[in-house]
Amino acid sequence: MTTTKKLGVFDSVLLVSGSMIGSGIFLVTGDMTRQLGNGPLVLLAWILTGFITLMAALSFGELAAMMPNAGGQYNFITRIYGKRMGFVYGWAVFSVIQTGVIAAVAMAFAKHLGIFVWGHDKVVFTLGCCGYQFSLLSGQCMAIASIVLLTIINGLGIQEGKWVQRIFTLAKLVALGALILGGLYVLVGGSLNGAHNYFWSNMSDGLNASKYVPANPEATIKSIEPIKGFWESISGMTLMLAFASAMVGSLFSSDAWQGITFMSAEVDKPSKTIPKALLYGTFIVTVVYCLANVAYMTLLPLKGLDWTNALAAVGPDGWAENFSLGLAHADQDRVGVAASSVLMGSTNDALAGSMGLLFMAGLIVVSTFGCNNGLILAGSRLYKAMADHGLFFQKAAKLNTKNVPANALWMQAFWASVLCLSGSYGDLLSYCTFASLLFYIITVAGVMILRKREPEAERPYKVWGYPYLPIAYLFLAGFVAVGILVSQFNIAMTGIGIVALGWPIYRLFQRQGK
């Protein structure tokens, strides 16, 4: 049964950019600020992330043009390194990379939807056994429900998934654009609802970095005792490791762009369309992310105002005027919410601040829902490609009446839902980012391997600046990977361990195939 090709350049670009823009851009800058304590370095981390992502996307464009078949990066790695390594990649995608990102984004969706209904941290029920207690939270229920709903929608056919992607991606680009324009207007001297321009003061420390050390790591802004910590100066190797660790957040926010390569069978003229989609989609998101952080730096003080004023400004609900807490201490790291509150006038009116909260929370709900639609749509195609090769559950290869791998969709939904119950947003973010980065590195290295091993192979598109651009990517991405390994050793080793499990599991599927 053949699949009608329905995704052109426009929808492919929206799939790339929509899958990238999820929850990270609205949350991770807070943690990055606490790790670096320096405005120029935080912006540099976002800019460097953009360059790394663009370089990887350009390299993937060459491979996608060479191998325009469903499965994308799985096919690339299989052709370059063999079936075993291809399976290990596919296993990592299913076990943590794709499903982990889906779970993390779904948890962020629930966290912000909870502002409107039910709350995200209410205990639904608790089970206890043998000294172990498990509590199901309302946010976990909402996260799982969103995954199930999007799986149902995508099971109806590529057309339905395409329209969900169009609507939600365009909506969040427009809303993010409004936030960016408001911030830039204040930056150039405009007066808007009492917003103060903090950009130049946030940029005034040069490259003098510092790390925030909380006096009480268990305290929260809403506690009676605020987090009265201190900023510790860092430099040299400590700074380099902190910079690499901070980039976990920006890299996570810029991930999932390669999902379009999984869907080559459903893309019109994939050898031409996919390289364009990778370039245009990643470039758009890079520009949007950098400008959004310029807006944050403009609207919010980097380290917050003094604690006496900040505590008074927070109010009983913990968020009414959290611009006073700045980028480093925004309530629950919701820097997007804090910036939106400033644009709405929270500096003068708490009610306006609450409207800003609701506006940005609504935007993040839209953003995360649309992001997960693209992730769920793309991931199932990879598992089908593996099943076609006898390296995944055979039922994953079966198409329903809409030419959709529905079984693969539901397998993905099940495991992503399990991950929603098992990990926090921060842990899921770190596991996904490190494992994903390792496979990006070996895939980009594969461009040079194939150039040497298969010089006569047809290449409808060739990466710009070869071999310098792939080499630059390997150097920069390798630096970040080593930094994460050293600074977050336990998390990195857990990610490596999950990936390594693919080696023995490969034997099981190999026997099944035989």
Foldseek 3Di string as FASTA:
>chain_A
DADAADAELVLLLLLLQLLLAAQLLQFLLQVLCQLWVALVLSLVLLLVLLLLLLLLLLLLLQVCLQPLDAQRLLVLCCVLPNNLLSLLVLLLCLQFQLLLLLLLRLLLLLQLVLVVDDHFAQFPDWDDDPRDIATDTPSLVSSLVLLVVLLVQVLVAPVSLSVLSVVLSVVLVVVLVVLLVLLVCVVVPHDFLNFFFQQCVSNPPPRFTWHWDWPDVPDALLDPDHRPTDTGTDDDPSNLLSSLVSSLSSNLSRDPSSLSSNVSSNHDSRSPSSSSSSNSNSVVNSVSSSSSSSSLSTRAHSQFADPVVQSVLLPNVRALQNSRRGQNRHHSSRSQLNSQLVNQNSVPDSVSSVVSNSSSSVSSSSSSSSNSSSSLNRSLSNQLVCLVVLQHPVLSVDRDPNRGSSVSSVSSSVSSSVSSSPDHSVLSSLLNSLLVLVSSLVSLVSSVVCCVVPVPRDRPRDRPPPPVSSVVSNVVSVSSNVSCCVVVVVSNVVSVVSSVVSNVSSVVSVVVSD
